[in-house]
Amino acid sequence: MDQNQKRDWSINDFEVGKPLGRGKFGRVYVAREIKEQLIVNLSKYVVALKVIFKEQLEKY
């Protein structure tokens, strides 16, 4: 993948780990990018993944 190309992420691109925190609108988890077999340049980034509660968003 060219460095200038944008990538669309999905939950299937990550291994979701331990929860880091919780707030009014959702939870935050530590996650790691899953390295695909065919793409050698992906780096297994470790990120914070925010999961937002849909019910809370609909209220506001």
PDB file of N, CA and C in Angstrom:
ATOM      1  N   MET A   1       0.852  -1.183   0.000  1.00  0.00           N
ATOM      2  CA  MET A   1       0.000   0.000   0.000  1.00  0.00           C
ATOM      3  C   MET A   1       0.890   1.236   0.000  1.00  0.00           C
ATOM      4  N   ASP A   2       0.572   2.164  -0.876  1.00  0.00           N
ATOM      5  CA  ASP A   2       1.302   3.425  -0.976  1.00  0.00           C
ATOM      6  C   ASP A   2       1.091   4.232   0.301  1.00  0.00           C
ATOM      7  N   GLN A   3       2.138   4.890   0.813  1.00  0.00           N
ATOM      8  CA  GLN A   3       2.037   5.660   2.057  1.00  0.00           C
ATOM      9  C   GLN A   3       1.022   6.786   1.970  1.00  0.00           C
ATOM     10  N   ASN A   4       0.777   7.331   0.781  1.00  0.00           N
ATOM     11  CA  ASN A   4      -0.159   8.437   0.615  1.00  0.00           C
ATOM     12  C   ASN A   4      -1.604   7.979   0.471  1.00  0.00           C
ATOM     13  N   GLN A   5      -1.825   6.679   0.321  1.00  0.00           N
ATOM     14  CA  GLN A   5      -3.177   6.153   0.187  1.00  0.00           C
ATOM     15  C   GLN A   5      -3.870   6.116   1.537  1.00  0.00           C
ATOM     16  N   LYS A   6      -5.158   6.488   1.556  1.00  0.00           N
ATOM     17  CA  LYS A   6      -5.928   6.392   2.794  1.00  0.00           C
ATOM     18  C   LYS A   6      -6.440   4.970   2.946  1.00  0.00           C
ATOM     19  N   ARG A   7      -6.582   4.539   4.184  1.00  0.00           N
ATOM     20  CA  ARG A   7      -7.072   3.194   4.445  1.00  0.00           C
ATOM     21  C   ARG A   7      -8.338   3.283   5.276  1.00  0.00           C
ATOM     22  N   ASP A   8      -9.337   2.493   4.922  1.00  0.00           N
ATOM     23  CA  ASP A   8     -10.550   2.389   5.726  1.00  0.00           C
ATOM     24  C   ASP A   8     -10.338   1.288   6.750  1.00  0.00           C
ATOM     25  N   TRP A   9     -10.523   1.614   8.030  1.00  0.00           N
ATOM     26  CA  TRP A   9     -10.327   0.652   9.102  1.00  0.00           C
ATOM     27  C   TRP A   9     -11.658   0.006   9.469  1.00  0.00           C
ATOM     28  N   SER A  10     -11.600  -1.204   9.964  1.00  0.00           N
ATOM     29  CA  SER A  10     -12.776  -1.863  10.535  1.00  0.00           C
ATOM     30  C   SER A  10     -12.330  -2.559  11.818  1.00  0.00           C
ATOM     31  N   ILE A  11     -13.280  -2.965  12.625  1.00  0.00           N
ATOM     32  CA  ILE A  11     -12.964  -3.650  13.883  1.00  0.00           C
ATOM     33  C   ILE A  11     -12.180  -4.937  13.616  1.00  0.00           C
ATOM     34  N   ASN A  12     -12.356  -5.524  12.433  1.00  0.00           N
ATOM     35  CA  ASN A  12     -11.654  -6.763  12.080  1.00  0.00           C
ATOM     36  C   ASN A  12     -10.162  -6.551  11.844  1.00  0.00           C
ATOM     37  N   ASP A  13      -9.723  -5.294  11.771  1.00  0.00           N
ATOM     38  CA  ASP A  13      -8.305  -4.990  11.590  1.00  0.00           C
ATOM     39  C   ASP A  13      -7.540  -4.982  12.912  1.00  0.00           C
ATOM     40  N   PHE A  14      -8.241  -5.181  14.035  1.00  0.00           N
ATOM     41  CA  PHE A  14      -7.621  -5.049  15.350  1.00  0.00           C
ATOM     42  C   PHE A  14      -7.892  -6.239  16.255  1.00  0.00           C
ATOM     43  N   GLU A  15      -6.911  -6.511  17.113  1.00  0.00           N
ATOM     44  CA  GLU A  15      -7.051  -7.429  18.243  1.00  0.00           C
ATOM     45  C   GLU A  15      -7.373  -6.538  19.430  1.00  0.00           C
ATOM     46  N   VAL A  16      -8.548  -6.667  20.009  1.00  0.00           N
ATOM     47  CA  VAL A  16      -8.954  -5.792  21.109  1.00  0.00           C
ATOM     48  C   VAL A  16      -8.500  -6.416  22.422  1.00  0.00           C
ATOM     49  N   GLY A  17      -7.853  -5.601  23.259  1.00  0.00           N
ATOM     50  CA  GLY A  17      -7.312  -6.080  24.526  1.00  0.00           C
ATOM     51  C   GLY A  17      -8.066  -5.557  25.734  1.00  0.00           C
ATOM     52  N   LYS A  18      -7.315  -5.271  26.790  1.00  0.00           N
ATOM     53  CA  LYS A  18      -7.882  -4.846  28.072  1.00  0.00           C
ATOM     54  C   LYS A  18      -8.556  -3.478  27.980  1.00  0.00           C
ATOM     55  N   PRO A  19      -9.594  -3.273  28.803  1.00  0.00           N
ATOM     56  CA  PRO A  19     -10.211  -1.946  28.858  1.00  0.00           C
ATOM     57  C   PRO A  19      -9.268  -0.948  29.529  1.00  0.00           C
ATOM     58  N   LEU A  20      -9.228   0.278  28.994  1.00  0.00           N
ATOM     59  CA  LEU A  20      -8.401   1.337  29.574  1.00  0.00           C
ATOM     60  C   LEU A  20      -9.228   2.312  30.399  1.00  0.00           C
ATOM     61  N   GLY A  21     -10.495   2.454  30.037  1.00  0.00           N
ATOM     62  CA  GLY A  21     -11.334   3.410  30.754  1.00  0.00           C
ATOM     63  C   GLY A  21     -12.768   3.367  30.275  1.00  0.00           C
ATOM     64  N   ARG A  22     -13.595   4.135  30.996  1.00  0.00           N
ATOM     65  CA  ARG A  22     -15.016   4.174  30.686  1.00  0.00           C
ATOM     66  C   ARG A  22     -15.517   5.588  30.927  1.00  0.00           C
ATOM     67  N   GLY A  23     -16.381   6.052  30.056  1.00  0.00           N
ATOM     68  CA  GLY A  23     -16.938   7.388  30.206  1.00  0.00           C
ATOM     69  C   GLY A  23     -18.422   7.396  29.921  1.00  0.00           C
ATOM     70  N   LYS A  24     -18.966   8.584  29.813  1.00  0.00           N
ATOM     71  CA  LYS A  24     -20.404   8.747  29.608  1.00  0.00           C
ATOM     72  C   LYS A  24     -20.868   8.152  28.275  1.00  0.00           C
ATOM     73  N   PHE A  25     -20.048   8.267  27.247  1.00  0.00           N
ATOM     74  CA  PHE A  25     -20.454   7.847  25.908  1.00  0.00           C
ATOM     75  C   PHE A  25     -19.913   6.490  25.470  1.00  0.00           C
ATOM     76  N   GLY A  26     -19.040   5.870  26.254  1.00  0.00           N
ATOM     77  CA  GLY A  26     -18.517   4.582  25.823  1.00  0.00           C
ATOM     78  C   GLY A  26     -17.327   4.124  26.633  1.00  0.00           C
ATOM     79  N   ARG A  27     -16.584   3.209  26.050  1.00  0.00           N
ATOM     80  CA  ARG A  27     -15.407   2.623  26.697  1.00  0.00           C
ATOM     81  C   ARG A  27     -14.204   2.740  25.773  1.00  0.00           C
ATOM     82  N   VAL A  28     -13.015   2.671  26.375  1.00  0.00           N
ATOM     83  CA  VAL A  28     -11.772   2.735  25.606  1.00  0.00           C
ATOM     84  C   VAL A  28     -10.970   1.474  25.907  1.00  0.00           C
ATOM     85  N   TYR A  29     -10.484   0.839  24.848  1.00  0.00           N
ATOM     86  CA  TYR A  29      -9.711  -0.396  24.972  1.00  0.00           C
ATOM     87  C   TYR A  29      -8.356  -0.220  24.310  1.00  0.00           C
ATOM     88  N   VAL A  30      -7.372  -0.983  24.786  1.00  0.00           N
ATOM     89  CA  VAL A  30      -6.104  -1.050  24.072  1.00  0.00           C
ATOM     90  C   VAL A  30      -6.329  -2.060  22.945  1.00  0.00           C
ATOM     91  N   ALA A  31      -5.779  -1.772  21.770  1.00  0.00           N
ATOM     92  CA  ALA A  31      -5.944  -2.670  20.627  1.00  0.00           C
ATOM     93  C   ALA A  31      -4.653  -2.682  19.819  1.00  0.00           C
ATOM     94  N   ARG A  32      -4.468  -3.743  19.076  1.00  0.00           N
ATOM     95  CA  ARG A  32      -3.276  -3.870  18.233  1.00  0.00           C
ATOM     96  C   ARG A  32      -3.715  -4.207  16.817  1.00  0.00           C
ATOM     97  N   GLU A  33      -3.091  -3.543  15.859  1.00  0.00           N
ATOM     98  CA  GLU A  33      -3.393  -3.824  14.453  1.00  0.00           C
ATOM     99  C   GLU A  33      -2.984  -5.258  14.140  1.00  0.00           C
ATOM    100  N   ILE A  34      -3.856  -5.988  13.479  1.00  0.00           N
ATOM    101  CA  ILE A  34      -3.533  -7.353  13.063  1.00  0.00           C
ATOM    102  C   ILE A  34      -2.750  -7.256  11.764  1.00  0.00           C
ATOM    103  N   LYS A  35      -1.587  -7.859  11.755  1.00  0.00           N
ATOM    104  CA  LYS A  35      -0.740  -7.798  10.563  1.00  0.00           C
ATOM    105  C   LYS A  35      -1.237  -8.821   9.549  1.00  0.00           C
ATOM    106  N   GLU A  36      -1.603  -8.330   8.368  1.00  0.00           N
ATOM    107  CA  GLU A  36      -2.087  -9.217   7.317  1.00  0.00           C
ATOM    108  C   GLU A  36      -0.907  -9.949   6.686  1.00  0.00           C
ATOM    109  N   GLN A  37      -1.127 -11.196   6.328  1.00  0.00           N
ATOM    110  CA  GLN A  37      -0.075 -12.037   5.750  1.00  0.00           C
ATOM    111  C   GLN A  37       0.476 -11.461   4.438  1.00  0.00           C
ATOM    112  N   LEU A  38      -0.404 -10.910   3.596  1.00  0.00           N
ATOM    113  CA  LEU A  38       0.014 -10.490   2.260  1.00  0.00           C
ATOM    114  C   LEU A  38       0.645  -9.107   2.227  1.00  0.00           C
ATOM    115  N   ILE A  39       0.370  -8.295   3.232  1.00  0.00           N
ATOM    116  CA  ILE A  39       0.912  -6.931   3.240  1.00  0.00           C
ATOM    117  C   ILE A  39       2.043  -6.880   4.261  1.00  0.00           C
ATOM    118  N   VAL A  40       3.250  -6.707   3.797  1.00  0.00           N
ATOM    119  CA  VAL A  40       4.421  -6.789   4.663  1.00  0.00           C
ATOM    120  C   VAL A  40       4.677  -5.489   5.421  1.00  0.00           C
ATOM    121  N   ASN A  41       4.191  -4.355   4.928  1.00  0.00           N
ATOM    122  CA  ASN A  41       4.525  -3.059   5.506  1.00  0.00           C
ATOM    123  C   ASN A  41       3.699  -2.660   6.719  1.00  0.00           C
ATOM    124  N   LEU A  42       2.671  -3.405   7.088  1.00  0.00           N
ATOM    125  CA  LEU A  42       1.884  -3.038   8.266  1.00  0.00           C
ATOM    126  C   LEU A  42       2.702  -3.303   9.517  1.00  0.00           C
ATOM    127  N   SER A  43       2.508  -2.489  10.543  1.00  0.00           N
ATOM    128  CA  SER A  43       3.453  -2.495  11.651  1.00  0.00           C
ATOM    129  C   SER A  43       2.921  -2.992  12.983  1.00  0.00           C
ATOM    130  N   LYS A  44       1.697  -3.497  13.052  1.00  0.00           N
ATOM    131  CA  LYS A  44       1.102  -3.932  14.322  1.00  0.00           C
ATOM    132  C   LYS A  44       1.037  -2.782  15.317  1.00  0.00           C
ATOM    133  N   TYR A  45       0.578  -1.610  14.878  1.00  0.00           N
ATOM    134  CA  TYR A  45       0.436  -0.457  15.760  1.00  0.00           C
ATOM    135  C   TYR A  45      -0.390  -0.819  16.986  1.00  0.00           C
ATOM    136  N   VAL A  46      -0.012  -0.270  18.145  1.00  0.00           N
ATOM    137  CA  VAL A  46      -0.824  -0.375  19.355  1.00  0.00           C
ATOM    138  C   VAL A  46      -1.572   0.943  19.471  1.00  0.00           C
ATOM    139  N   VAL A  47      -2.893   0.865  19.634  1.00  0.00           N
ATOM    140  CA  VAL A  47      -3.737   2.063  19.638  1.00  0.00           C
ATOM    141  C   VAL A  47      -4.748   1.996  20.775  1.00  0.00           C
ATOM    142  N   ALA A  48      -5.370   3.133  21.057  1.00  0.00           N
ATOM    143  CA  ALA A  48      -6.521   3.178  21.961  1.00  0.00           C
ATOM    144  C   ALA A  48      -7.757   3.190  21.070  1.00  0.00           C
ATOM    145  N   LEU A  49      -8.661   2.263  21.302  1.00  0.00           N
ATOM    146  CA  LEU A  49      -9.861   2.115  20.484  1.00  0.00           C
ATOM    147  C   LEU A  49     -11.073   2.514  21.308  1.00  0.00           C
ATOM    148  N   LYS A  50     -11.795   3.538  20.860  1.00  0.00           N
ATOM    149  CA  LYS A  50     -12.962   4.017  21.594  1.00  0.00           C
ATOM    150  C   LYS A  50     -14.219   3.384  21.014  1.00  0.00           C
ATOM    151  N   VAL A  51     -15.012   2.774  21.885  1.00  0.00           N
ATOM    152  CA  VAL A  51     -16.283   2.164  21.513  1.00  0.00           C
ATOM    153  C   VAL A  51     -17.375   3.062  22.070  1.00  0.00           C
ATOM    154  N   ILE A  52     -18.195   3.616  21.189  1.00  0.00           N
ATOM    155  CA  ILE A  52     -19.218   4.580  21.598  1.00  0.00           C
ATOM    156  C   ILE A  52     -20.575   3.890  21.674  1.00  0.00           C
ATOM    157  N   PHE A  53     -21.308   4.160  22.765  1.00  0.00           N
ATOM    158  CA  PHE A  53     -22.645   3.598  22.939  1.00  0.00           C
ATOM    159  C   PHE A  53     -23.629   4.351  22.056  1.00  0.00           C
ATOM    160  N   LYS A  54     -24.267   3.657  21.146  1.00  0.00           N
ATOM    161  CA  LYS A  54     -25.197   4.280  20.208  1.00  0.00           C
ATOM    162  C   LYS A  54     -26.371   4.942  20.935  1.00  0.00           C
ATOM    163  N   GLU A  55     -26.864   4.313  22.001  1.00  0.00           N
ATOM    164  CA  GLU A  55     -28.008   4.868  22.747  1.00  0.00           C
ATOM    165  C   GLU A  55     -27.682   6.249  23.307  1.00  0.00           C
ATOM    166  N   GLN A  56     -26.464   6.417  23.804  1.00  0.00           N
ATOM    167  CA  GLN A  56     -26.060   7.698  24.374  1.00  0.00           C
ATOM    168  C   GLN A  56     -25.962   8.780  23.297  1.00  0.00           C
ATOM    169  N   LEU A  57     -25.475   8.417  22.127  1.00  0.00           N
ATOM    170  CA  LEU A  57     -25.352   9.390  21.044  1.00  0.00           C
ATOM    171  C   LEU A  57     -26.718   9.843  20.549  1.00  0.00           C
ATOM    172  N   GLU A  58     -27.679   8.937  20.532  1.00  0.00           N
ATOM    173  CA  GLU A  58     -29.016   9.279  20.054  1.00  0.00           C
ATOM    174  C   GLU A  58     -29.707  10.279  20.975  1.00  0.00           C
ATOM    175  N   LYS A  59     -29.327  10.308  22.245  1.00  0.00           N
ATOM    176  CA  LYS A  59     -29.918  11.244  23.205  1.00  0.00           C
ATOM    177  C   LYS A  59     -29.495  12.678  22.921  1.00  0.00           C
ATOM    178  N   TYR A  60     -28.274  12.851  22.359  1.00  0.00           N
ATOM    179  CA  TYR A  60     -27.710  14.194  22.203  1.00  0.00           C
ATOM    180  C   TYR A  60     -27.712  14.649  20.809  1.00  0.00           C
TER     181      TYR A  60
END
